[in-house]
Amino acid sequence: MYFHALIPFKPVNPKTRLSCILTQEEREAFARAMLEDVIAAVQKSGCSATLLCTHSFKHENALVAVRTEPLNDAINWALGQFHCPALIIMADIPLVTAGDIQRLIRTEKDMSIVPGRGGGTNIIFLKKPRCFRADYYGASFLDHMRIAEECGFSVEVIDSFRMSTDIDEKEDLVEILIHGKGRKSREYLESSGFSIVLDEKGRVGVQRDPHEEAL
């Protein structure tokens, strides 16, 4: 069966919570690197990728739709265009693998969902996407479970470290540096002078080479 993967992506001024360690230009490059990791996993899983972008953007391995309305409105517009099962996957989960995605789409339920940290939602797979409506922000996992119940969907909740690790804060970069071997996002961080550091209490963090930061 053929599946679409819908990937919301903000190419201009993304990841503002990383402004403490990355310039806007660097954040845009880093966001593109994470996107490459996600698209690679999507394609290896057998899905086609469609980017839902806030600004003009081109990608040789994905279709692109530019929508200027808020995220939920844009996603729900896209879901209404699909006549086959669809995956909604965030562009900031670079540790995801093709095997992870295949686990989602092989569900016997009407819908499978991966919670994000803090009550969010990182991935949703829908066998009937036109019957669903997205409601991101806040405790979106609970909202999506409620919407699935309203739709009469059976749901499989999938607990996965790789799929639930979204990158928003400086502290999140640790996970890429530790677990992101072979990924574009890790290559970008390392080339930008980032490395793992232990503080006096043995807690793991990240540091940046001052010379690279000055560049």
N, C-alpha and C. Protein backbone atom coordinates (compact mmCIF):
# COMPACT_ATOMS: atom_id res chain seq x y z
N MET A 1 0.84 -1.19 0.00
CA MET A 1 0.00 0.00 0.00
C MET A 1 0.88 1.24 0.00
N TYR A 2 0.42 2.29 -0.66
CA TYR A 2 1.19 3.53 -0.81
C TYR A 2 0.86 4.49 0.34
N PHE A 3 1.90 5.12 0.89
CA PHE A 3 1.71 6.03 2.01
C PHE A 3 2.37 7.37 1.73
N HIS A 4 1.71 8.43 2.17
CA HIS A 4 2.28 9.77 2.14
C HIS A 4 2.81 10.11 3.54
N ALA A 5 3.95 10.78 3.59
CA ALA A 5 4.45 11.33 4.85
C ALA A 5 4.42 12.85 4.74
N LEU A 6 3.67 13.47 5.61
CA LEU A 6 3.54 14.93 5.64
C LEU A 6 4.50 15.47 6.70
N ILE A 7 5.41 16.35 6.29
CA ILE A 7 6.44 16.87 7.19
C ILE A 7 6.33 18.39 7.27
N PRO A 8 5.76 18.93 8.34
CA PRO A 8 5.75 20.39 8.49
C PRO A 8 7.18 20.90 8.67
N PHE A 9 7.50 22.01 8.00
CA PHE A 9 8.87 22.52 8.07
C PHE A 9 8.88 24.03 7.96
N LYS A 10 9.65 24.65 8.85
CA LYS A 10 9.80 26.10 8.87
C LYS A 10 11.22 26.44 8.42
N PRO A 11 11.41 26.81 7.16
CA PRO A 11 12.77 27.05 6.67
C PRO A 11 13.38 28.39 7.11
N VAL A 12 12.56 29.34 7.53
CA VAL A 12 13.06 30.67 7.89
C VAL A 12 12.91 30.90 9.40
N ASN A 13 14.02 31.21 10.05
CA ASN A 13 14.06 31.49 11.49
C ASN A 13 13.42 30.40 12.34
N PRO A 14 13.85 29.14 12.16
CA PRO A 14 13.31 28.05 12.98
C PRO A 14 14.05 27.92 14.31
N LYS A 15 13.51 27.11 15.18
CA LYS A 15 14.19 26.70 16.41
C LYS A 15 14.75 27.89 17.20
N THR A 16 13.88 28.83 17.50
CA THR A 16 14.33 30.05 18.17
C THR A 16 14.85 29.79 19.59
N ARG A 17 14.47 28.67 20.20
CA ARG A 17 14.99 28.36 21.53
C ARG A 17 16.46 27.95 21.51
N LEU A 18 17.00 27.76 20.31
CA LEU A 18 18.43 27.49 20.18
C LEU A 18 19.22 28.76 19.88
N SER A 19 18.56 29.91 19.96
CA SER A 19 19.22 31.18 19.66
C SER A 19 20.37 31.48 20.62
N CYS A 20 20.36 30.84 21.77
CA CYS A 20 21.43 31.07 22.76
C CYS A 20 22.77 30.51 22.30
N ILE A 21 22.74 29.58 21.31
CA ILE A 21 23.99 28.96 20.87
C ILE A 21 24.15 28.95 19.35
N LEU A 22 23.09 29.28 18.62
CA LEU A 22 23.16 29.29 17.16
C LEU A 22 22.57 30.58 16.61
N THR A 23 23.21 31.14 15.60
CA THR A 23 22.65 32.30 14.92
C THR A 23 21.46 31.86 14.07
N GLN A 24 20.73 32.82 13.54
CA GLN A 24 19.60 32.44 12.69
C GLN A 24 20.07 31.63 11.49
N GLU A 25 21.14 32.05 10.86
CA GLU A 25 21.66 31.31 9.70
C GLU A 25 22.05 29.89 10.09
N GLU A 26 22.66 29.74 11.25
CA GLU A 26 23.05 28.41 11.72
C GLU A 26 21.82 27.57 12.06
N ARG A 27 20.82 28.19 12.68
CA ARG A 27 19.61 27.44 13.00
C ARG A 27 18.90 26.96 11.74
N GLU A 28 18.90 27.77 10.72
CA GLU A 28 18.28 27.36 9.46
C GLU A 28 19.04 26.20 8.83
N ALA A 29 20.38 26.25 8.88
CA ALA A 29 21.18 25.15 8.34
C ALA A 29 20.99 23.88 9.17
N PHE A 30 20.93 24.02 10.48
CA PHE A 30 20.73 22.87 11.35
C PHE A 30 19.35 22.25 11.13
N ALA A 31 18.33 23.09 10.98
CA ALA A 31 16.98 22.59 10.71
C ALA A 31 16.95 21.81 9.40
N ARG A 32 17.67 22.29 8.39
CA ARG A 32 17.74 21.57 7.12
C ARG A 32 18.44 20.23 7.29
N ALA A 33 19.46 20.19 8.13
CA ALA A 33 20.17 18.93 8.37
C ALA A 33 19.25 17.92 9.05
N MET A 34 18.50 18.36 10.04
CA MET A 34 17.54 17.45 10.70
C MET A 34 16.49 16.97 9.71
N LEU A 35 16.02 17.89 8.87
CA LEU A 35 15.03 17.53 7.85
C LEU A 35 15.57 16.44 6.94
N GLU A 36 16.83 16.54 6.55
CA GLU A 36 17.44 15.53 5.69
C GLU A 36 17.41 14.16 6.36
N ASP A 37 17.68 14.12 7.65
CA ASP A 37 17.63 12.86 8.39
C ASP A 37 16.23 12.26 8.39
N VAL A 38 15.24 13.12 8.59
CA VAL A 38 13.85 12.65 8.62
C VAL A 38 13.42 12.16 7.24
N ILE A 39 13.72 12.92 6.20
CA ILE A 39 13.34 12.52 4.84
C ILE A 39 14.01 11.20 4.46
N ALA A 40 15.27 11.03 4.84
CA ALA A 40 15.97 9.78 4.53
C ALA A 40 15.27 8.58 5.17
N ALA A 41 14.85 8.73 6.42
CA ALA A 41 14.14 7.64 7.10
C ALA A 41 12.79 7.38 6.44
N VAL A 42 12.09 8.45 6.10
CA VAL A 42 10.77 8.32 5.45
C VAL A 42 10.89 7.55 4.14
N GLN A 43 11.85 7.93 3.32
CA GLN A 43 11.98 7.29 2.01
C GLN A 43 12.43 5.84 2.13
N LYS A 44 13.32 5.56 3.06
CA LYS A 44 13.78 4.18 3.26
C LYS A 44 12.65 3.28 3.77
N SER A 45 11.66 3.90 4.41
CA SER A 45 10.52 3.13 4.92
C SER A 45 9.51 2.80 3.83
N GLY A 46 9.67 3.43 2.65
CA GLY A 46 8.76 3.19 1.54
C GLY A 46 7.70 4.25 1.37
N CYS A 47 7.77 5.33 2.15
CA CYS A 47 6.80 6.41 2.03
C CYS A 47 7.34 7.53 1.14
N SER A 48 6.43 8.29 0.56
CA SER A 48 6.83 9.49 -0.16
C SER A 48 6.74 10.68 0.79
N ALA A 49 7.58 11.69 0.56
CA ALA A 49 7.64 12.83 1.46
C ALA A 49 7.02 14.06 0.83
N THR A 50 6.16 14.72 1.60
CA THR A 50 5.60 16.01 1.20
C THR A 50 5.88 17.01 2.31
N LEU A 51 6.57 18.09 1.97
CA LEU A 51 6.89 19.12 2.95
C LEU A 51 5.80 20.18 2.97
N LEU A 52 5.38 20.52 4.16
CA LEU A 52 4.39 21.57 4.35
C LEU A 52 5.14 22.76 4.94
N CYS A 53 5.51 23.72 4.10
CA CYS A 53 6.44 24.78 4.48
C CYS A 53 5.74 26.12 4.70
N THR A 54 6.35 26.89 5.60
CA THR A 54 5.84 28.22 5.90
C THR A 54 6.33 29.27 4.90
N HIS A 55 7.43 28.96 4.21
CA HIS A 55 8.02 29.86 3.23
C HIS A 55 8.46 29.04 2.01
N SER A 56 8.77 29.73 0.94
CA SER A 56 9.23 29.07 -0.27
C SER A 56 10.45 28.20 0.02
N PHE A 57 10.44 27.00 -0.53
CA PHE A 57 11.52 26.05 -0.25
C PHE A 57 11.51 24.98 -1.34
N LYS A 58 12.69 24.48 -1.67
CA LYS A 58 12.80 23.43 -2.68
C LYS A 58 13.58 22.26 -2.12
N HIS A 59 13.16 21.05 -2.50
CA HIS A 59 13.88 19.85 -2.10
C HIS A 59 13.76 18.82 -3.21
N GLU A 60 14.89 18.26 -3.60
CA GLU A 60 14.90 17.36 -4.76
C GLU A 60 14.22 16.03 -4.49
N ASN A 61 14.03 15.68 -3.22
CA ASN A 61 13.46 14.37 -2.89
C ASN A 61 12.08 14.46 -2.24
N ALA A 62 11.45 15.61 -2.33
CA ALA A 62 10.14 15.76 -1.70
C ALA A 62 9.29 16.77 -2.45
N LEU A 63 7.98 16.55 -2.42
CA LEU A 63 7.06 17.57 -2.90
C LEU A 63 6.98 18.67 -1.85
N VAL A 64 6.68 19.88 -2.28
CA VAL A 64 6.61 21.00 -1.35
C VAL A 64 5.30 21.75 -1.55
N ALA A 65 4.60 21.98 -0.43
CA ALA A 65 3.42 22.84 -0.44
C ALA A 65 3.70 23.98 0.53
N VAL A 66 3.51 25.21 0.08
CA VAL A 66 3.73 26.38 0.93
C VAL A 66 2.38 26.87 1.43
N ARG A 67 2.25 26.93 2.75
CA ARG A 67 1.01 27.38 3.36
C ARG A 67 1.33 28.43 4.42
N THR A 68 0.62 29.52 4.42
CA THR A 68 0.92 30.62 5.33
C THR A 68 0.01 30.65 6.56
N GLU A 69 -1.00 29.79 6.60
CA GLU A 69 -1.89 29.79 7.76
C GLU A 69 -1.23 29.09 8.94
N PRO A 70 -1.81 29.15 10.14
CA PRO A 70 -1.24 28.47 11.30
C PRO A 70 -1.07 26.97 11.07
N LEU A 71 -0.18 26.36 11.87
CA LEU A 71 0.21 24.96 11.68
C LEU A 71 -0.98 24.01 11.57
N ASN A 72 -1.90 24.08 12.53
CA ASN A 72 -3.02 23.13 12.51
C ASN A 72 -3.89 23.28 11.27
N ASP A 73 -4.14 24.52 10.88
CA ASP A 73 -4.94 24.75 9.68
C ASP A 73 -4.24 24.20 8.44
N ALA A 74 -2.93 24.39 8.38
CA ALA A 74 -2.17 23.90 7.23
C ALA A 74 -2.18 22.38 7.17
N ILE A 75 -1.98 21.73 8.31
CA ILE A 75 -1.98 20.26 8.34
C ILE A 75 -3.36 19.73 7.98
N ASN A 76 -4.39 20.32 8.53
CA ASN A 76 -5.74 19.83 8.25
C ASN A 76 -6.14 20.06 6.79
N TRP A 77 -5.65 21.13 6.20
CA TRP A 77 -5.84 21.32 4.76
C TRP A 77 -5.19 20.17 4.00
N ALA A 78 -3.95 19.83 4.37
CA ALA A 78 -3.23 18.76 3.67
C ALA A 78 -3.91 17.40 3.86
N LEU A 79 -4.37 17.12 5.06
CA LEU A 79 -5.03 15.83 5.30
C LEU A 79 -6.26 15.67 4.42
N GLY A 80 -6.92 16.77 4.15
CA GLY A 80 -8.10 16.72 3.30
C GLY A 80 -7.80 16.39 1.85
N GLN A 81 -6.50 16.50 1.47
CA GLN A 81 -6.12 16.19 0.09
C GLN A 81 -5.76 14.73 -0.11
N PHE A 82 -5.56 14.00 0.99
CA PHE A 82 -5.07 12.63 0.89
C PHE A 82 -6.21 11.63 0.71
N HIS A 83 -6.01 10.71 -0.21
CA HIS A 83 -6.97 9.63 -0.44
C HIS A 83 -6.37 8.28 -0.08
N CYS A 84 -5.24 8.30 0.62
CA CYS A 84 -4.57 7.07 1.05
C CYS A 84 -4.04 7.31 2.46
N PRO A 85 -3.59 6.27 3.14
CA PRO A 85 -3.05 6.46 4.49
C PRO A 85 -1.94 7.49 4.52
N ALA A 86 -1.84 8.20 5.64
CA ALA A 86 -0.87 9.28 5.74
C ALA A 86 -0.18 9.29 7.09
N LEU A 87 1.06 9.79 7.05
CA LEU A 87 1.88 9.93 8.23
C LEU A 87 2.15 11.42 8.43
N ILE A 88 1.95 11.91 9.65
CA ILE A 88 2.37 13.27 9.99
C ILE A 88 3.59 13.12 10.88
N ILE A 89 4.72 13.61 10.42
CA ILE A 89 5.97 13.45 11.17
C ILE A 89 6.69 14.78 11.27
N MET A 90 7.14 15.13 12.46
CA MET A 90 7.81 16.40 12.66
C MET A 90 9.22 16.38 12.07
N ALA A 91 9.71 17.54 11.68
CA ALA A 91 11.01 17.65 11.01
C ALA A 91 12.17 17.73 12.00
N ASP A 92 11.89 17.70 13.30
CA ASP A 92 12.95 17.86 14.30
C ASP A 92 13.16 16.61 15.13
N ILE A 93 12.94 15.43 14.52
CA ILE A 93 13.22 14.17 15.22
C ILE A 93 14.24 13.37 14.40
N PRO A 94 15.48 13.86 14.34
CA PRO A 94 16.48 13.29 13.43
C PRO A 94 16.96 11.89 13.78
N LEU A 95 16.62 11.38 14.95
CA LEU A 95 17.05 10.03 15.31
C LEU A 95 16.13 8.95 14.78
N VAL A 96 15.00 9.34 14.19
CA VAL A 96 14.04 8.36 13.68
C VAL A 96 14.69 7.50 12.59
N THR A 97 14.29 6.23 12.52
CA THR A 97 14.81 5.31 11.51
C THR A 97 13.67 4.80 10.63
N ALA A 98 14.04 4.20 9.51
CA ALA A 98 13.03 3.60 8.63
C ALA A 98 12.28 2.49 9.37
N GLY A 99 12.99 1.73 10.19
CA GLY A 99 12.34 0.67 10.95
C GLY A 99 11.31 1.21 11.92
N ASP A 100 11.60 2.35 12.52
CA ASP A 100 10.63 3.00 13.41
C ASP A 100 9.35 3.33 12.66
N ILE A 101 9.51 3.90 11.48
CA ILE A 101 8.34 4.30 10.69
C ILE A 101 7.56 3.08 10.22
N GLN A 102 8.26 2.04 9.83
CA GLN A 102 7.57 0.82 9.41
C GLN A 102 6.78 0.22 10.55
N ARG A 103 7.30 0.34 11.75
CA ARG A 103 6.56 -0.14 12.93
C ARG A 103 5.24 0.61 13.06
N LEU A 104 5.25 1.90 12.78
CA LEU A 104 4.04 2.71 12.85
C LEU A 104 3.02 2.30 11.81
N ILE A 105 3.47 2.18 10.56
CA ILE A 105 2.53 1.97 9.47
C ILE A 105 2.03 0.53 9.37
N ARG A 106 2.67 -0.36 10.11
CA ARG A 106 2.22 -1.76 10.13
C ARG A 106 1.19 -2.04 11.21
N THR A 107 0.77 -0.98 11.90
CA THR A 107 -0.20 -1.17 12.98
C THR A 107 -1.49 -1.82 12.45
N GLU A 108 -2.13 -2.59 13.30
CA GLU A 108 -3.42 -3.17 12.95
C GLU A 108 -4.56 -2.24 13.35
N LYS A 109 -4.23 -1.16 14.04
CA LYS A 109 -5.24 -0.19 14.48
C LYS A 109 -5.52 0.83 13.37
N ASP A 110 -6.52 1.66 13.59
CA ASP A 110 -6.85 2.73 12.63
C ASP A 110 -5.80 3.84 12.65
N MET A 111 -5.13 3.96 13.77
CA MET A 111 -4.18 5.06 13.97
C MET A 111 -3.09 4.61 14.92
N SER A 112 -1.86 5.06 14.65
CA SER A 112 -0.77 4.88 15.62
C SER A 112 -0.18 6.25 15.91
N ILE A 113 0.31 6.43 17.12
CA ILE A 113 0.76 7.75 17.55
C ILE A 113 1.98 7.61 18.45
N VAL A 114 2.93 8.53 18.29
CA VAL A 114 4.13 8.58 19.13
C VAL A 114 4.09 9.85 19.96
N PRO A 115 3.98 9.73 21.28
CA PRO A 115 3.99 10.93 22.12
C PRO A 115 5.37 11.59 22.09
N GLY A 116 5.37 12.92 22.17
CA GLY A 116 6.61 13.65 22.39
C GLY A 116 6.76 13.92 23.87
N ARG A 117 7.89 14.47 24.24
CA ARG A 117 8.09 14.82 25.64
C ARG A 117 7.24 16.02 26.01
N GLY A 118 6.80 16.06 27.27
CA GLY A 118 6.02 17.21 27.73
C GLY A 118 4.61 17.27 27.21
N GLY A 119 4.08 16.13 26.77
CA GLY A 119 2.68 16.09 26.34
C GLY A 119 2.46 16.34 24.88
N GLY A 120 3.53 16.48 24.10
CA GLY A 120 3.37 16.75 22.68
C GLY A 120 3.14 15.51 21.84
N THR A 121 3.11 15.69 20.53
CA THR A 121 2.91 14.60 19.58
C THR A 121 3.98 14.72 18.50
N ASN A 122 4.74 13.65 18.29
CA ASN A 122 5.80 13.69 17.29
C ASN A 122 5.44 13.05 15.96
N ILE A 123 4.67 11.98 16.00
CA ILE A 123 4.27 11.30 14.76
C ILE A 123 2.86 10.74 14.92
N ILE A 124 2.08 10.84 13.86
CA ILE A 124 0.77 10.20 13.80
C ILE A 124 0.66 9.48 12.46
N PHE A 125 0.21 8.24 12.50
CA PHE A 125 -0.11 7.51 11.27
C PHE A 125 -1.62 7.30 11.22
N LEU A 126 -2.22 7.65 10.09
CA LEU A 126 -3.68 7.59 9.94
C LEU A 126 -4.05 6.78 8.71
N LYS A 127 -4.86 5.77 8.91
CA LYS A 127 -5.35 5.01 7.76
C LYS A 127 -6.44 5.77 7.01
N LYS A 128 -7.15 6.64 7.73
CA LYS A 128 -8.19 7.46 7.12
C LYS A 128 -7.93 8.93 7.47
N PRO A 129 -6.95 9.55 6.83
CA PRO A 129 -6.55 10.90 7.23
C PRO A 129 -7.63 11.96 7.05
N ARG A 130 -8.54 11.78 6.11
CA ARG A 130 -9.55 12.80 5.86
C ARG A 130 -10.60 12.85 6.97
N CYS A 131 -10.62 11.82 7.83
CA CYS A 131 -11.58 11.80 8.94
C CYS A 131 -11.02 12.44 10.21
N PHE A 132 -9.75 12.84 10.16
CA PHE A 132 -9.06 13.31 11.36
C PHE A 132 -8.77 14.80 11.26
N ARG A 133 -8.53 15.45 12.40
CA ARG A 133 -8.06 16.83 12.41
C ARG A 133 -6.94 16.96 13.44
N ALA A 134 -5.88 17.62 13.04
CA ALA A 134 -4.73 17.81 13.92
C ALA A 134 -4.99 18.96 14.90
N ASP A 135 -4.40 18.84 16.08
CA ASP A 135 -4.53 19.89 17.10
C ASP A 135 -3.22 19.94 17.89
N TYR A 136 -2.19 20.51 17.26
CA TYR A 136 -0.88 20.59 17.90
C TYR A 136 -0.82 21.77 18.87
N TYR A 137 0.29 21.82 19.60
CA TYR A 137 0.56 22.77 20.68
C TYR A 137 -0.12 22.31 21.96
N GLY A 138 0.45 22.75 23.09
CA GLY A 138 -0.07 22.34 24.38
C GLY A 138 0.06 20.83 24.57
N ALA A 139 -0.91 20.26 25.26
CA ALA A 139 -0.92 18.80 25.51
C ALA A 139 -1.54 18.11 24.30
N SER A 140 -0.87 18.19 23.17
CA SER A 140 -1.47 17.72 21.91
C SER A 140 -1.68 16.21 21.89
N PHE A 141 -0.86 15.47 22.64
CA PHE A 141 -1.07 14.02 22.67
C PHE A 141 -2.46 13.70 23.21
N LEU A 142 -2.84 14.33 24.31
CA LEU A 142 -4.17 14.10 24.88
C LEU A 142 -5.25 14.57 23.93
N ASP A 143 -5.02 15.70 23.28
CA ASP A 143 -6.00 16.22 22.32
C ASP A 143 -6.18 15.25 21.15
N HIS A 144 -5.08 14.71 20.65
CA HIS A 144 -5.18 13.79 19.52
C HIS A 144 -5.83 12.45 19.91
N MET A 145 -5.59 12.02 21.13
CA MET A 145 -6.27 10.80 21.59
C MET A 145 -7.78 11.05 21.70
N ARG A 146 -8.16 12.24 22.17
CA ARG A 146 -9.58 12.57 22.27
C ARG A 146 -10.22 12.67 20.88
N ILE A 147 -9.52 13.29 19.94
CA ILE A 147 -10.04 13.41 18.58
C ILE A 147 -10.18 12.04 17.93
N ALA A 148 -9.21 11.16 18.18
CA ALA A 148 -9.30 9.80 17.64
C ALA A 148 -10.53 9.08 18.19
N GLU A 149 -10.80 9.28 19.47
CA GLU A 149 -11.99 8.66 20.07
C GLU A 149 -13.26 9.21 19.43
N GLU A 150 -13.29 10.52 19.19
CA GLU A 150 -14.45 11.14 18.54
C GLU A 150 -14.64 10.59 17.12
N CYS A 151 -13.55 10.24 16.46
CA CYS A 151 -13.62 9.68 15.11
C CYS A 151 -13.96 8.20 15.10
N GLY A 152 -13.94 7.59 16.29
CA GLY A 152 -14.20 6.15 16.38
C GLY A 152 -13.00 5.31 15.99
N PHE A 153 -11.79 5.87 16.07
CA PHE A 153 -10.58 5.17 15.68
C PHE A 153 -10.06 4.29 16.82
N SER A 154 -9.58 3.11 16.46
CA SER A 154 -8.75 2.34 17.37
C SER A 154 -7.33 2.89 17.26
N VAL A 155 -6.60 2.90 18.40
CA VAL A 155 -5.31 3.59 18.44
C VAL A 155 -4.24 2.72 19.09
N GLU A 156 -3.06 2.72 18.47
CA GLU A 156 -1.89 2.10 19.08
C GLU A 156 -0.92 3.22 19.48
N VAL A 157 -0.58 3.28 20.75
CA VAL A 157 0.39 4.25 21.24
C VAL A 157 1.76 3.58 21.25
N ILE A 158 2.72 4.19 20.59
CA ILE A 158 4.05 3.59 20.46
C ILE A 158 5.06 4.39 21.26
N ASP A 159 5.72 3.71 22.17
CA ASP A 159 6.73 4.32 23.02
C ASP A 159 8.09 4.07 22.39
N SER A 160 8.78 5.13 21.98
CA SER A 160 10.06 4.99 21.29
C SER A 160 10.97 6.15 21.65
N PHE A 161 12.17 5.84 22.13
CA PHE A 161 13.13 6.89 22.46
C PHE A 161 13.47 7.72 21.23
N ARG A 162 13.80 7.05 20.13
CA ARG A 162 14.23 7.77 18.93
C ARG A 162 13.12 8.67 18.38
N MET A 163 11.91 8.16 18.34
CA MET A 163 10.82 8.94 17.76
C MET A 163 10.28 10.00 18.70
N SER A 164 10.50 9.85 19.99
CA SER A 164 9.99 10.84 20.94
C SER A 164 11.01 11.93 21.25
N THR A 165 12.22 11.79 20.70
CA THR A 165 13.27 12.78 20.96
C THR A 165 13.23 13.88 19.91
N ASP A 166 12.54 14.96 20.23
CA ASP A 166 12.51 16.12 19.35
C ASP A 166 13.52 17.15 19.87
N ILE A 167 14.06 17.93 18.96
CA ILE A 167 15.16 18.82 19.30
C ILE A 167 14.66 20.26 19.35
N ASP A 168 14.60 20.80 20.55
CA ASP A 168 14.12 22.17 20.74
C ASP A 168 15.08 23.02 21.56
N GLU A 169 15.72 22.39 22.56
CA GLU A 169 16.56 23.13 23.50
C GLU A 169 18.03 22.74 23.34
N LYS A 170 18.90 23.57 23.88
CA LYS A 170 20.33 23.28 23.86
C LYS A 170 20.63 21.90 24.43
N GLU A 171 19.96 21.56 25.52
CA GLU A 171 20.21 20.28 26.19
C GLU A 171 19.87 19.09 25.29
N ASP A 172 18.95 19.28 24.35
CA ASP A 172 18.53 18.19 23.47
C ASP A 172 19.64 17.78 22.50
N LEU A 173 20.59 18.67 22.25
CA LEU A 173 21.65 18.37 21.30
C LEU A 173 22.52 17.21 21.76
N VAL A 174 22.54 16.96 23.06
CA VAL A 174 23.28 15.82 23.61
C VAL A 174 22.86 14.53 22.93
N GLU A 175 21.55 14.37 22.73
CA GLU A 175 21.03 13.12 22.18
C GLU A 175 21.54 12.87 20.76
N ILE A 176 21.65 13.93 19.97
CA ILE A 176 22.16 13.78 18.61
C ILE A 176 23.64 13.41 18.65
N LEU A 177 24.40 14.08 19.51
CA LEU A 177 25.84 13.82 19.59
C LEU A 177 26.14 12.41 20.09
N ILE A 178 25.26 11.87 20.94
CA ILE A 178 25.47 10.52 21.46
C ILE A 178 24.90 9.46 20.53
N HIS A 179 23.68 9.67 20.04
CA HIS A 179 22.96 8.61 19.33
C HIS A 179 22.84 8.83 17.82
N GLY A 180 23.36 9.95 17.31
CA GLY A 180 23.11 10.30 15.91
C GLY A 180 24.20 9.91 14.92
N LYS A 181 24.91 8.84 15.17
CA LYS A 181 25.98 8.43 14.27
C LYS A 181 25.45 8.27 12.84
N GLY A 182 26.17 8.87 11.88
CA GLY A 182 25.81 8.75 10.49
C GLY A 182 24.74 9.71 10.01
N ARG A 183 24.27 10.58 10.90
CA ARG A 183 23.20 11.50 10.54
C ARG A 183 23.74 12.88 10.19
N LYS A 184 23.04 13.54 9.28
CA LYS A 184 23.43 14.87 8.84
C LYS A 184 23.42 15.86 10.00
N SER A 185 22.47 15.71 10.90
CA SER A 185 22.37 16.64 12.02
C SER A 185 23.58 16.55 12.93
N ARG A 186 24.06 15.34 13.17
CA ARG A 186 25.26 15.20 14.00
C ARG A 186 26.48 15.76 13.27
N GLU A 187 26.59 15.49 11.99
CA GLU A 187 27.70 16.03 11.21
C GLU A 187 27.71 17.55 11.28
N TYR A 188 26.53 18.16 11.21
CA TYR A 188 26.47 19.62 11.26
C TYR A 188 26.95 20.12 12.62
N LEU A 189 26.47 19.52 13.71
CA LEU A 189 26.87 19.97 15.04
C LEU A 189 28.37 19.81 15.25
N GLU A 190 28.90 18.67 14.85
CA GLU A 190 30.33 18.44 15.05
C GLU A 190 31.17 19.41 14.21
N SER A 191 30.73 19.66 12.98
CA SER A 191 31.47 20.59 12.12
C SER A 191 31.36 22.03 12.62
N SER A 192 30.36 22.28 13.47
CA SER A 192 30.17 23.62 14.03
C SER A 192 30.84 23.75 15.40
N GLY A 193 31.59 22.73 15.80
CA GLY A 193 32.36 22.82 17.03
C GLY A 193 31.69 22.32 18.28
N PHE A 194 30.56 21.61 18.16
CA PHE A 194 29.87 21.10 19.35
C PHE A 194 30.42 19.74 19.76
N SER A 195 30.48 19.54 21.07
CA SER A 195 30.90 18.26 21.62
C SER A 195 30.24 18.04 22.97
N ILE A 196 30.37 16.83 23.48
CA ILE A 196 29.79 16.47 24.77
C ILE A 196 30.73 16.89 25.89
N VAL A 197 30.17 17.35 27.00
CA VAL A 197 30.97 17.73 28.16
C VAL A 197 30.28 17.25 29.43
N LEU A 198 31.06 16.90 30.45
CA LEU A 198 30.52 16.52 31.75
C LEU A 198 30.77 17.66 32.73
N ASP A 199 29.74 18.01 33.51
CA ASP A 199 29.96 19.03 34.52
C ASP A 199 30.54 18.41 35.79
N GLU A 200 30.74 19.21 36.83
CA GLU A 200 31.39 18.73 38.06
C GLU A 200 30.58 17.66 38.77
N LYS A 201 29.29 17.57 38.46
CA LYS A 201 28.43 16.54 39.07
C LYS A 201 28.24 15.33 38.16
N GLY A 202 28.95 15.32 37.04
CA GLY A 202 28.87 14.18 36.13
C GLY A 202 27.70 14.21 35.18
N ARG A 203 26.99 15.34 35.10
CA ARG A 203 25.87 15.46 34.19
C ARG A 203 26.36 15.81 32.79
N VAL A 204 25.71 15.24 31.80
CA VAL A 204 26.14 15.41 30.42
C VAL A 204 25.51 16.66 29.82
N GLY A 205 26.33 17.43 29.14
CA GLY A 205 25.85 18.62 28.44
C GLY A 205 26.60 18.79 27.13
N VAL A 206 26.43 19.94 26.52
CA VAL A 206 27.16 20.22 25.28
C VAL A 206 27.97 21.50 25.45
N GLN A 207 29.08 21.55 24.72
CA GLN A 207 29.87 22.76 24.67
C GLN A 207 30.25 23.03 23.22
N ARG A 208 30.60 24.28 22.97
CA ARG A 208 30.99 24.67 21.61
C ARG A 208 32.38 25.28 21.65
N ASP A 209 33.19 24.85 20.70
CA ASP A 209 34.52 25.41 20.56
C ASP A 209 34.38 26.92 20.34
N PRO A 210 34.98 27.75 21.20
CA PRO A 210 34.86 29.21 21.04
C PRO A 210 35.32 29.71 19.68
N HIS A 211 36.32 29.04 19.11
CA HIS A 211 36.80 29.46 17.81
C HIS A 211 35.71 29.27 16.75
N GLU A 212 35.02 28.14 16.81
CA GLU A 212 33.94 27.89 15.83
C GLU A 212 32.81 28.87 16.05
N GLU A 213 32.50 29.18 17.30
CA GLU A 213 31.42 30.13 17.59
C GLU A 213 31.77 31.52 17.08
N ALA A 214 33.03 31.86 17.15
CA ALA A 214 33.45 33.18 16.68
C ALA A 214 33.34 33.29 15.18
N LEU A 215 33.50 32.15 14.49
CA LEU A 215 33.37 32.17 13.04
C LEU A 215 31.93 32.45 12.64
